[in-house]
């Protein structure tokens, strides 16, 4: 097939919405996820009115936590 859908592209790039990112981080609370994003501990991007984070950014956060 020619072309891919947006969802496939997002999945292949490792971009997660905040619900998926919370699960990736072990099921942290919505409040905790928002605190991490708003504080800048986890960098995010906005597409339209939705916020996303990359798997790379989540891995960086995890690595930084392991060093503390």
PDB file of N, CA and C in Angstrom:
ATOM      1  N   UNK A   1       0.832  -1.182   0.000  1.00  0.00           N
ATOM      2  CA  UNK A   1       0.000   0.000   0.000  1.00  0.00           C
ATOM      3  C   UNK A   1       0.876   1.245   0.000  1.00  0.00           C
ATOM      4  N   UNK A   2       0.400   2.267  -0.648  1.00  0.00           N
ATOM      5  CA  UNK A   2       1.108   3.529  -0.697  1.00  0.00           C
ATOM      6  C   UNK A   2       0.652   4.409   0.453  1.00  0.00           C
ATOM      7  N   UNK A   3       1.633   5.077   1.149  1.00  0.00           N
ATOM      8  CA  UNK A   3       1.296   6.004   2.224  1.00  0.00           C
ATOM      9  C   UNK A   3       0.937   5.284   3.505  1.00  0.00           C
ATOM     10  N   UNK A   4       0.943   6.052   4.569  1.00  0.00           N
ATOM     11  CA  UNK A   4       0.553   5.518   5.876  1.00  0.00           C
ATOM     12  C   UNK A   4      -0.377   6.502   6.542  1.00  0.00           C
ATOM     13  N   UNK A   5      -1.131   6.013   7.488  1.00  0.00           N
ATOM     14  CA  UNK A   5      -2.025   6.910   8.219  1.00  0.00           C
ATOM     15  C   UNK A   5      -1.242   7.661   9.276  1.00  0.00           C
ATOM     16  N   UNK A   6      -1.816   8.740   9.792  1.00  0.00           N
ATOM     17  CA  UNK A   6      -1.189   9.531  10.856  1.00  0.00           C
ATOM     18  C   UNK A   6      -0.895   8.683  12.072  1.00  0.00           C
ATOM     19  N   UNK A   7      -1.804   7.798  12.431  1.00  0.00           N
ATOM     20  CA  UNK A   7      -1.617   6.976  13.615  1.00  0.00           C
ATOM     21  C   UNK A   7      -0.389   6.093  13.455  1.00  0.00           C
ATOM     22  N   UNK A   8      -0.226   5.472  12.300  1.00  0.00           N
ATOM     23  CA  UNK A   8       0.951   4.636  12.074  1.00  0.00           C
ATOM     24  C   UNK A   8       2.225   5.454  12.133  1.00  0.00           C
ATOM     25  N   UNK A   9       2.206   6.644  11.578  1.00  0.00           N
ATOM     26  CA  UNK A   9       3.371   7.514  11.608  1.00  0.00           C
ATOM     27  C   UNK A   9       3.709   7.883  13.037  1.00  0.00           C
ATOM     28  N   UNK A  10       2.717   8.268  13.825  1.00  0.00           N
ATOM     29  CA  UNK A  10       2.963   8.624  15.219  1.00  0.00           C
ATOM     30  C   UNK A  10       3.524   7.440  15.987  1.00  0.00           C
ATOM     31  N   UNK A  11       2.966   6.262  15.782  1.00  0.00           N
ATOM     32  CA  UNK A  11       3.443   5.073  16.481  1.00  0.00           C
ATOM     33  C   UNK A  11       4.886   4.755  16.104  1.00  0.00           C
ATOM     34  N   UNK A  12       5.213   4.849  14.822  1.00  0.00           N
ATOM     35  CA  UNK A  12       6.556   4.486  14.385  1.00  0.00           C
ATOM     36  C   UNK A  12       7.588   5.496  14.879  1.00  0.00           C
ATOM     37  N   UNK A  13       7.191   6.734  15.097  1.00  0.00           N
ATOM     38  CA  UNK A  13       8.101   7.762  15.596  1.00  0.00           C
ATOM     39  C   UNK A  13       8.226   7.708  17.116  1.00  0.00           C
ATOM     40  N   UNK A  14       7.378   6.955  17.775  1.00  0.00           N
ATOM     41  CA  UNK A  14       7.459   6.852  19.217  1.00  0.00           C
ATOM     42  C   UNK A  14       6.865   8.036  19.934  1.00  0.00           C
ATOM     43  N   UNK A  15       5.771   8.567  19.405  1.00  0.00           N
ATOM     44  CA  UNK A  15       5.095   9.693  20.037  1.00  0.00           C
ATOM     45  C   UNK A  15       3.857   9.167  20.748  1.00  0.00           C
ATOM     46  N   UNK A  16       3.739   9.508  22.034  1.00  0.00           N
ATOM     47  CA  UNK A  16       2.629   9.028  22.854  1.00  0.00           C
ATOM     48  C   UNK A  16       1.797  10.189  23.370  1.00  0.00           C
ATOM     49  N   UNK A  17       0.480   9.964  23.486  1.00  0.00           N
ATOM     50  CA  UNK A  17      -0.322  10.967  24.180  1.00  0.00           C
ATOM     51  C   UNK A  17      -0.068  10.811  25.678  1.00  0.00           C
ATOM     52  N   UNK A  18      -0.599  11.705  26.483  1.00  0.00           N
ATOM     53  CA  UNK A  18      -0.277  11.681  27.904  1.00  0.00           C
ATOM     54  C   UNK A  18      -0.818  10.452  28.628  1.00  0.00           C
ATOM     55  N   UNK A  19      -1.925   9.916  28.179  1.00  0.00           N
ATOM     56  CA  UNK A  19      -2.464   8.693  28.790  1.00  0.00           C
ATOM     57  C   UNK A  19      -1.505   7.536  28.526  1.00  0.00           C
ATOM     58  N   UNK A  20      -1.032   7.424  27.288  1.00  0.00           N
ATOM     59  CA  UNK A  20      -0.079   6.371  26.953  1.00  0.00           C
ATOM     60  C   UNK A  20       1.244   6.575  27.685  1.00  0.00           C
ATOM     61  N   UNK A  21       1.671   7.828  27.803  1.00  0.00           N
ATOM     62  CA  UNK A  21       2.922   8.135  28.504  1.00  0.00           C
ATOM     63  C   UNK A  21       2.823   7.760  29.979  1.00  0.00           C
ATOM     64  N   UNK A  22       1.663   8.002  30.596  1.00  0.00           N
ATOM     65  CA  UNK A  22       1.464   7.625  32.003  1.00  0.00           C
ATOM     66  C   UNK A  22       1.628   6.117  32.174  1.00  0.00           C
ATOM     67  N   UNK A  23       1.042   5.349  31.260  1.00  0.00           N
ATOM     68  CA  UNK A  23       1.166   3.888  31.309  1.00  0.00           C
ATOM     69  C   UNK A  23       2.620   3.479  31.119  1.00  0.00           C
ATOM     70  N   UNK A  24       3.314   4.136  30.197  1.00  0.00           N
ATOM     71  CA  UNK A  24       4.721   3.854  29.919  1.00  0.00           C
ATOM     72  C   UNK A  24       5.567   4.060  31.171  1.00  0.00           C
ATOM     73  N   UNK A  25       5.183   5.028  31.992  1.00  0.00           N
ATOM     74  CA  UNK A  25       5.906   5.338  33.235  1.00  0.00           C
ATOM     75  C   UNK A  25       5.381   4.547  34.431  1.00  0.00           C
ATOM     76  N   UNK A  26       4.709   3.466  34.160  1.00  0.00           N
ATOM     77  CA  UNK A  26       4.289   2.577  35.235  1.00  0.00           C
ATOM     78  C   UNK A  26       2.927   2.890  35.817  1.00  0.00           C
ATOM     79  N   UNK A  27       2.139   3.674  35.120  1.00  0.00           N
ATOM     80  CA  UNK A  27       0.791   3.963  35.586  1.00  0.00           C
ATOM     81  C   UNK A  27       0.716   5.109  36.587  1.00  0.00           C
ATOM     82  N   UNK A  28       1.590   6.123  36.410  1.00  0.00           N
ATOM     83  CA  UNK A  28       1.538   7.268  37.324  1.00  0.00           C
ATOM     84  C   UNK A  28       0.216   8.006  37.162  1.00  0.00           C
ATOM     85  N   UNK A  29      -0.126   8.822  38.131  1.00  0.00           N
ATOM     86  CA  UNK A  29      -1.401   9.530  38.104  1.00  0.00           C
ATOM     87  C   UNK A  29      -1.394  10.635  37.054  1.00  0.00           C
ATOM     88  N   UNK A  30      -2.580  11.044  36.668  1.00  0.00           N
ATOM     89  CA  UNK A  30      -2.730  12.144  35.718  1.00  0.00           C
ATOM     90  C   UNK A  30      -2.108  13.411  36.298  1.00  0.00           C
ATOM     91  N   UNK A  31      -2.342  13.661  37.576  1.00  0.00           N
ATOM     92  CA  UNK A  31      -1.791  14.845  38.233  1.00  0.00           C
ATOM     93  C   UNK A  31      -0.274  14.841  38.186  1.00  0.00           C
ATOM     94  N   UNK A  32       0.334  13.701  38.487  1.00  0.00           N
ATOM     95  CA  UNK A  32       1.790  13.606  38.466  1.00  0.00           C
ATOM     96  C   UNK A  32       2.331  13.813  37.058  1.00  0.00           C
ATOM     97  N   UNK A  33       1.660  13.263  36.049  1.00  0.00           N
ATOM     98  CA  UNK A  33       2.107  13.433  34.670  1.00  0.00           C
ATOM     99  C   UNK A  33       2.090  14.902  34.288  1.00  0.00           C
ATOM    100  N   UNK A  34       1.011  15.588  34.632  1.00  0.00           N
ATOM    101  CA  UNK A  34       0.917  17.012  34.301  1.00  0.00           C
ATOM    102  C   UNK A  34       1.978  17.821  35.047  1.00  0.00           C
ATOM    103  N   UNK A  35       2.261  17.474  36.275  1.00  0.00           N
ATOM    104  CA  UNK A  35       3.316  18.165  37.025  1.00  0.00           C
ATOM    105  C   UNK A  35       4.663  18.014  36.324  1.00  0.00           C
ATOM    106  N   UNK A  36       4.965  16.809  35.862  1.00  0.00           N
ATOM    107  CA  UNK A  36       6.229  16.557  35.175  1.00  0.00           C
ATOM    108  C   UNK A  36       6.330  17.342  33.867  1.00  0.00           C
ATOM    109  N   UNK A  37       5.212  17.440  33.148  1.00  0.00           N
ATOM    110  CA  UNK A  37       5.200  18.174  31.884  1.00  0.00           C
ATOM    111  C   UNK A  37       5.295  19.677  32.142  1.00  0.00           C
ATOM    112  N   UNK A  38       4.471  20.202  33.041  1.00  0.00           N
ATOM    113  CA  UNK A  38       4.445  21.657  33.280  1.00  0.00           C
ATOM    114  C   UNK A  38       5.750  22.141  33.914  1.00  0.00           C
ATOM    115  N   UNK A  39       6.413  21.299  34.690  1.00  0.00           N
ATOM    116  CA  UNK A  39       7.677  21.702  35.315  1.00  0.00           C
ATOM    117  C   UNK A  39       8.846  21.644  34.331  1.00  0.00           C
ATOM    118  N   UNK A  40       8.642  20.976  33.207  1.00  0.00           N
ATOM    119  CA  UNK A  40       9.708  20.847  32.224  1.00  0.00           C
ATOM    120  C   UNK A  40      10.574  19.617  32.432  1.00  0.00           C
ATOM    121  N   UNK A  41      10.252  18.805  33.442  1.00  0.00           N
ATOM    122  CA  UNK A  41      10.998  17.568  33.659  1.00  0.00           C
ATOM    123  C   UNK A  41      10.841  16.622  32.470  1.00  0.00           C
ATOM    124  N   UNK A  42       9.675  16.669  31.845  1.00  0.00           N
ATOM    125  CA  UNK A  42       9.421  15.917  30.614  1.00  0.00           C
ATOM    126  C   UNK A  42       8.967  16.925  29.571  1.00  0.00           C
ATOM    127  N   UNK A  43       9.732  17.047  28.479  1.00  0.00           N
ATOM    128  CA  UNK A  43       9.381  17.965  27.404  1.00  0.00           C
ATOM    129  C   UNK A  43       8.253  17.367  26.579  1.00  0.00           C
ATOM    130  N   UNK A  44       7.339  18.224  26.159  1.00  0.00           N
ATOM    131  CA  UNK A  44       6.190  17.759  25.391  1.00  0.00           C
ATOM    132  C   UNK A  44       6.001  18.643  24.164  1.00  0.00           C
ATOM    133  N   UNK A  45       5.128  18.179  23.285  1.00  0.00           N
ATOM    134  CA  UNK A  45       4.766  18.975  22.124  1.00  0.00           C
ATOM    135  C   UNK A  45       3.257  18.985  22.008  1.00  0.00           C
ATOM    136  N   UNK A  46       2.742  20.044  21.415  1.00  0.00           N
ATOM    137  CA  UNK A  46       1.307  20.182  21.248  1.00  0.00           C
ATOM    138  C   UNK A  46       0.981  20.154  19.768  1.00  0.00           C
ATOM    139  N   UNK A  47       0.017  19.341  19.417  1.00  0.00           N
ATOM    140  CA  UNK A  47      -0.507  19.287  18.059  1.00  0.00           C
ATOM    141  C   UNK A  47      -1.990  19.565  18.181  1.00  0.00           C
ATOM    142  N   UNK A  48      -2.415  20.704  17.654  1.00  0.00           N
ATOM    143  CA  UNK A  48      -3.801  21.133  17.855  1.00  0.00           C
ATOM    144  C   UNK A  48      -4.004  21.413  19.327  1.00  0.00           C
ATOM    145  N   UNK A  49      -4.966  20.773  19.932  1.00  0.00           N
ATOM    146  CA  UNK A  49      -5.191  20.962  21.372  1.00  0.00           C
ATOM    147  C   UNK A  49      -4.774  19.732  22.184  1.00  0.00           C
ATOM    148  N   UNK A  50      -3.971  18.870  21.572  1.00  0.00           N
ATOM    149  CA  UNK A  50      -3.505  17.661  22.257  1.00  0.00           C
ATOM    150  C   UNK A  50      -2.016  17.744  22.544  1.00  0.00           C
ATOM    151  N   UNK A  51      -1.627  17.191  23.660  1.00  0.00           N
ATOM    152  CA  UNK A  51      -0.229  17.216  24.083  1.00  0.00           C
ATOM    153  C   UNK A  51       0.349  15.802  23.975  1.00  0.00           C
ATOM    154  N   UNK A  52       1.579  15.718  23.478  1.00  0.00           N
ATOM    155  CA  UNK A  52       2.271  14.454  23.271  1.00  0.00           C
ATOM    156  C   UNK A  52       3.680  14.516  23.842  1.00  0.00           C
ATOM    157  N   UNK A  53       4.250  13.352  24.106  1.00  0.00           N
ATOM    158  CA  UNK A  53       5.661  13.247  24.486  1.00  0.00           C
ATOM    159  C   UNK A  53       6.278  12.128  23.654  1.00  0.00           C
ATOM    160  N   UNK A  54       7.568  12.237  23.435  1.00  0.00           N
ATOM    161  CA  UNK A  54       8.251  11.188  22.676  1.00  0.00           C
ATOM    162  C   UNK A  54       8.760  10.119  23.631  1.00  0.00           C
ATOM    163  N   UNK A  55       8.903   8.916  23.117  1.00  0.00           N
ATOM    164  CA  UNK A  55       9.468   7.833  23.916  1.00  0.00           C
ATOM    165  C   UNK A  55      10.903   8.177  24.295  1.00  0.00           C
ATOM    166  N   UNK A  56      11.613   8.866  23.407  1.00  0.00           N
ATOM    167  CA  UNK A  56      12.981   9.287  23.694  1.00  0.00           C
ATOM    168  C   UNK A  56      13.010  10.177  24.928  1.00  0.00           C
ATOM    169  N   UNK A  57      12.074  11.114  25.019  1.00  0.00           N
ATOM    170  CA  UNK A  57      12.011  12.016  26.172  1.00  0.00           C
ATOM    171  C   UNK A  57      11.685  11.245  27.447  1.00  0.00           C
ATOM    172  N   UNK A  58      10.825  10.255  27.355  1.00  0.00           N
ATOM    173  CA  UNK A  58      10.491   9.440  28.525  1.00  0.00           C
ATOM    174  C   UNK A  58      11.690   8.614  28.973  1.00  0.00           C
ATOM    175  N   UNK A  59      12.448   8.087  28.022  1.00  0.00           N
ATOM    176  CA  UNK A  59      13.661   7.335  28.367  1.00  0.00           C
ATOM    177  C   UNK A  59      14.677   8.250  29.053  1.00  0.00           C
ATOM    178  N   UNK A  60      14.823   9.481  28.555  1.00  0.00           N
ATOM    179  CA  UNK A  60      15.736  10.444  29.190  1.00  0.00           C
ATOM    180  C   UNK A  60      15.314  10.711  30.628  1.00  0.00           C
ATOM    181  N   UNK A  61      14.020  10.899  30.848  1.00  0.00           N
ATOM    182  CA  UNK A  61      13.507  11.152  32.192  1.00  0.00           C
ATOM    183  C   UNK A  61      13.823   9.976  33.111  1.00  0.00           C
ATOM    184  N   UNK A  62      13.593   8.765  32.625  1.00  0.00           N
ATOM    185  CA  UNK A  62      13.853   7.569  33.429  1.00  0.00           C
ATOM    186  C   UNK A  62      15.351   7.469  33.770  1.00  0.00           C
ATOM    187  N   UNK A  63      16.197   7.718  32.791  1.00  0.00           N
ATOM    188  CA  UNK A  63      17.635   7.670  33.024  1.00  0.00           C
ATOM    189  C   UNK A  63      18.056   8.702  34.070  1.00  0.00           C
ATOM    190  N   UNK A  64      17.496   9.909  33.976  1.00  0.00           N
ATOM    191  CA  UNK A  64      17.812  10.960  34.952  1.00  0.00           C
ATOM    192  C   UNK A  64      17.352  10.569  36.342  1.00  0.00           C
ATOM    193  N   UNK A  65      16.230   9.906  36.470  1.00  0.00           N
ATOM    194  CA  UNK A  65      15.730   9.475  37.774  1.00  0.00           C
ATOM    195  C   UNK A  65      16.631   8.400  38.357  1.00  0.00           C
ATOM    196  N   UNK A  66      17.172   7.544  37.508  1.00  0.00           N
ATOM    197  CA  UNK A  66      18.054   6.469  37.968  1.00  0.00           C
ATOM    198  C   UNK A  66      19.358   7.035  38.509  1.00  0.00           C
ATOM    199  N   UNK A  67      19.773   8.205  38.014  1.00  0.00           N
ATOM    200  CA  UNK A  67      21.023   8.830  38.459  1.00  0.00           C
ATOM    201  C   UNK A  67      20.890   9.550  39.782  1.00  0.00           C
ATOM    202  N   UNK A  68      19.676   9.914  40.148  1.00  0.00           N
ATOM    203  CA  UNK A  68      19.461  10.698  41.374  1.00  0.00           C
ATOM    204  C   UNK A  68      19.682   9.900  42.610  1.00  0.00           C
TER     205      UNK A  68
END
